[in-house]
Amino acid sequence: MSTLLLLFVVMFTAQDNCGCEDKPLPDILSTVNGVKITAKDFDPATESRIAELKRQVIDARQRELDLQINSTLLEAEVKKRNVPSKKILEDEVIAKAKEPTEEEARKFFDDEKTRLKGSSVEFGEIKTQIMDHLRAVRRQELAKAFADRLRTAAGVKVVVENVTPPETPADRQRVFAVVNGKQITSDDIEKS
């Protein structure tokens, strides 16, 4: 039954962009065939999972705001350089990413193998995946550094500390950030 309740709560919190992930659940969640379902009916594992899902939604809003800011900055850089975004990313991220060495991959494997106690996988079996992972991490770091440089050089103003959900339809017009004069609103985040 706890899985059904968990599914219900996820559906309940997702409907109508209620913005309820940062608020406590109501006393009565639903009434089914005359039986009232409350948060007290959840077992501790279900309560923990609900809290985790709420946190993920809050984090997703923050990531989306960052993504929209960075996308707007990249669009401006495309216009400034008069080259496609793919070319900019190749020049600023891919070309600058140092290839991982076998020694670095081996160290990563050794560090992670101790964490995975009892794993029988050998380095040679996953070397390619480790190299890909290390390469991706380096590219992510360079992409973040590039985005930070663009943010420093541009007129970026983040208006809110926390990217909270809209509580009313009018709240969807709330401005979260301004990038080179372009407003990013709650509605932009919710639509994404």
Protein backbone atom coordinates (compact mmCIF):
# COMPACT_ATOMS: atom_id res chain seq x y z
CA MET A 1 0.00 0.00 0.00
CA SER A 2 2.87 2.43 0.68
CA THR A 3 3.86 2.36 -3.01
CA LEU A 4 0.33 3.36 -3.98
CA LEU A 5 0.38 6.18 -1.44
CA LEU A 6 3.76 7.36 -2.69
CA LEU A 7 2.45 7.41 -6.26
CA PHE A 8 -0.58 9.34 -5.11
CA VAL A 9 1.50 11.96 -3.31
CA VAL A 10 3.77 12.42 -6.34
CA MET A 11 0.69 12.88 -8.53
CA PHE A 12 -0.90 15.17 -5.95
CA THR A 13 2.15 17.43 -5.70
CA ALA A 14 2.64 17.54 -9.47
CA GLN A 15 -0.85 18.62 -10.46
CA ASP A 16 -1.58 22.22 -11.43
CA ASN A 17 1.97 23.38 -10.63
CA CYS A 18 0.84 23.60 -7.03
CA GLY A 19 4.29 24.51 -5.74
CA CYS A 20 3.69 22.27 -2.78
CA GLU A 21 7.09 20.60 -2.73
CA ASP A 22 8.42 23.18 -0.30
CA LYS A 23 5.38 23.00 2.00
CA PRO A 24 4.12 20.34 4.40
CA LEU A 25 1.46 17.98 3.13
CA PRO A 26 -2.15 18.82 4.01
CA ASP A 27 -3.75 16.94 6.90
CA ILE A 28 -6.02 14.91 4.62
CA LEU A 29 -4.50 13.96 1.29
CA SER A 30 -7.55 12.22 -0.12
CA THR A 31 -10.71 10.36 0.71
CA VAL A 32 -11.20 7.05 -1.05
CA ASN A 33 -14.49 5.18 -0.53
CA GLY A 34 -15.03 7.18 2.66
CA VAL A 35 -11.56 6.40 4.03
CA LYS A 36 -9.40 9.44 4.74
CA ILE A 37 -5.76 9.10 3.72
CA THR A 38 -3.34 11.24 5.72
CA ALA A 39 0.41 11.65 5.80
CA LYS A 40 0.35 9.70 9.08
CA ASP A 41 -0.62 6.62 7.03
CA PHE A 42 2.85 6.60 5.42
CA ASP A 43 5.57 4.38 6.74
CA PRO A 44 8.98 5.99 7.42
CA ALA A 45 10.44 4.74 4.11
CA THR A 46 7.61 6.36 2.15
CA GLU A 47 7.96 9.62 4.09
CA SER A 48 11.68 9.61 3.33
CA ARG A 49 11.04 9.01 -0.37
CA ILE A 50 8.47 11.83 -0.52
CA ALA A 51 10.97 14.22 1.10
CA GLU A 52 13.62 13.16 -1.42
CA LEU A 53 11.25 13.70 -4.37
CA LYS A 54 10.33 17.16 -3.09
CA ARG A 55 14.02 18.06 -2.77
CA GLN A 56 14.66 16.87 -6.33
CA VAL A 57 11.92 19.15 -7.67
CA ILE A 58 13.36 22.15 -5.80
CA ASP A 59 16.87 21.34 -7.10
CA ALA A 60 15.53 20.92 -10.64
CA ARG A 61 14.12 24.44 -10.59
CA GLN A 62 17.50 25.86 -9.57
CA ARG A 63 19.30 23.87 -12.28
CA GLU A 64 16.78 25.07 -14.85
CA LEU A 65 17.37 28.71 -13.92
CA ASP A 66 21.13 28.20 -14.25
CA LEU A 67 20.61 26.46 -17.60
CA GLN A 68 18.43 29.27 -18.92
CA ILE A 69 20.95 31.90 -17.80
CA ASN A 70 23.80 30.00 -19.47
CA SER A 71 21.80 29.42 -22.65
CA THR A 72 21.00 33.11 -22.91
CA LEU A 73 24.67 33.97 -22.42
CA LEU A 74 25.72 31.43 -25.06
CA GLU A 75 23.19 32.88 -27.52
CA ALA A 76 24.72 36.33 -26.94
CA GLU A 77 28.22 34.91 -27.48
CA VAL A 78 27.07 33.32 -30.76
CA LYS A 79 25.90 36.74 -31.97
CA LYS A 80 29.09 38.41 -30.75
CA ARG A 81 31.47 35.92 -32.43
CA ASN A 82 29.21 35.24 -35.39
CA VAL A 83 29.87 31.50 -35.21
CA PRO A 84 27.59 28.58 -34.27
CA SER A 85 27.30 27.57 -30.61
CA LYS A 86 28.78 24.18 -31.46
CA LYS A 87 31.98 25.87 -32.65
CA ILE A 88 32.19 27.98 -29.49
CA LEU A 89 31.76 24.91 -27.28
CA GLU A 90 34.36 22.99 -29.30
CA ASP A 91 36.85 25.86 -28.91
CA GLU A 92 36.14 26.69 -25.27
CA VAL A 93 35.47 23.23 -23.84
CA ILE A 94 36.29 20.21 -26.00
CA ALA A 95 39.60 21.46 -27.41
CA LYS A 96 40.80 22.61 -23.97
CA ALA A 97 39.92 19.39 -22.13
CA LYS A 98 43.07 17.49 -21.30
CA GLU A 99 42.79 13.81 -22.15
CA PRO A 100 42.93 11.54 -19.10
CA THR A 101 45.96 9.32 -18.77
CA GLU A 102 45.94 5.60 -18.07
CA GLU A 103 47.53 6.35 -14.69
CA GLU A 104 44.64 8.67 -13.79
CA ALA A 105 42.14 6.04 -14.91
CA ARG A 106 43.94 3.39 -12.85
CA LYS A 107 43.91 5.63 -9.76
CA PHE A 108 40.20 6.31 -10.25
CA PHE A 109 39.58 2.56 -10.59
CA ASP A 110 41.58 1.76 -7.47
CA ASP A 111 39.83 4.47 -5.43
CA GLU A 112 36.39 3.34 -6.54
CA LYS A 113 37.12 -0.38 -6.25
CA THR A 114 37.72 -0.02 -2.52
CA ARG A 115 34.35 1.69 -2.24
CA LEU A 116 32.66 -1.11 -4.19
CA LYS A 117 33.89 -3.87 -1.86
CA GLY A 118 33.67 -7.32 -3.34
CA SER A 119 33.46 -6.25 -6.96
CA SER A 120 35.20 -8.70 -9.28
CA VAL A 121 35.46 -6.35 -12.26
CA GLU A 122 38.97 -5.83 -13.64
CA PHE A 123 40.46 -2.52 -14.77
CA GLY A 124 40.80 -3.64 -18.39
CA GLU A 125 37.09 -4.42 -18.58
CA ILE A 126 36.02 -0.87 -17.73
CA LYS A 127 39.03 1.22 -18.69
CA THR A 128 37.21 2.78 -21.66
CA GLN A 129 34.22 3.75 -19.50
CA ILE A 130 36.52 5.27 -16.87
CA MET A 131 38.40 7.27 -19.51
CA ASP A 132 35.06 8.49 -20.91
CA HIS A 133 33.90 9.45 -17.42
CA LEU A 134 37.09 11.36 -16.61
CA ARG A 135 36.91 13.15 -19.97
CA ALA A 136 33.27 14.11 -19.33
CA VAL A 137 34.10 15.43 -15.86
CA ARG A 138 36.87 17.61 -17.29
CA ARG A 139 34.56 18.94 -19.99
CA GLN A 140 31.91 19.74 -17.38
CA GLU A 141 34.47 21.66 -15.33
CA LEU A 142 35.60 23.63 -18.40
CA ALA A 143 32.00 24.31 -19.43
CA LYS A 144 31.26 25.65 -15.94
CA ALA A 145 34.39 27.83 -16.02
CA PHE A 146 33.36 29.16 -19.46
CA ALA A 147 29.83 29.90 -18.22
CA ASP A 148 31.27 31.64 -15.16
CA ARG A 149 33.45 33.83 -17.42
CA LEU A 150 30.42 34.72 -19.55
CA ARG A 151 28.43 35.54 -16.41
CA THR A 152 31.20 37.78 -15.11
CA ALA A 153 31.46 39.66 -18.41
CA ALA A 154 27.72 40.04 -18.95
CA GLY A 155 24.97 41.83 -17.14
CA VAL A 156 23.57 38.94 -15.11
CA LYS A 157 21.42 39.74 -12.11
CA VAL A 158 19.85 36.89 -10.16
CA VAL A 159 16.90 38.47 -8.38
CA VAL A 160 15.92 35.59 -6.07
CA GLU A 161 17.93 33.51 -3.65
CA ASN A 162 15.69 30.45 -3.98
CA VAL A 163 13.83 29.43 -7.12
CA THR A 164 10.49 28.83 -5.48
CA PRO A 165 7.39 27.54 -7.24
CA PRO A 166 4.52 29.86 -8.12
CA GLU A 167 1.67 29.83 -5.63
CA THR A 168 -0.77 31.71 -7.86
CA PRO A 169 -1.10 32.30 -11.60
CA ALA A 170 0.19 35.86 -11.07
CA ASP A 171 3.32 34.43 -9.39
CA ARG A 172 4.33 32.94 -12.74
CA GLN A 173 5.34 36.46 -13.86
CA ARG A 174 7.80 36.82 -10.98
CA VAL A 175 11.28 37.61 -12.31
CA PHE A 176 14.04 35.26 -11.16
CA ALA A 177 16.94 36.68 -13.18
CA VAL A 178 17.80 39.31 -15.76
CA VAL A 179 20.45 38.48 -18.38
CA ASN A 180 21.56 41.29 -20.67
CA GLY A 181 18.15 42.88 -20.20
CA LYS A 182 16.18 39.67 -20.84
CA GLN A 183 13.98 38.55 -17.95
CA ILE A 184 13.75 34.92 -16.90
CA THR A 185 10.48 34.40 -15.05
CA SER A 186 8.87 31.74 -12.92
CA ASP A 187 6.74 30.89 -15.95
CA ASP A 188 9.88 30.19 -18.02
CA ILE A 189 11.11 27.77 -15.36
CA GLU A 190 7.74 26.05 -14.93
CA LYS A 191 7.32 25.56 -18.69
CA SER A 192 10.74 23.94 -18.91
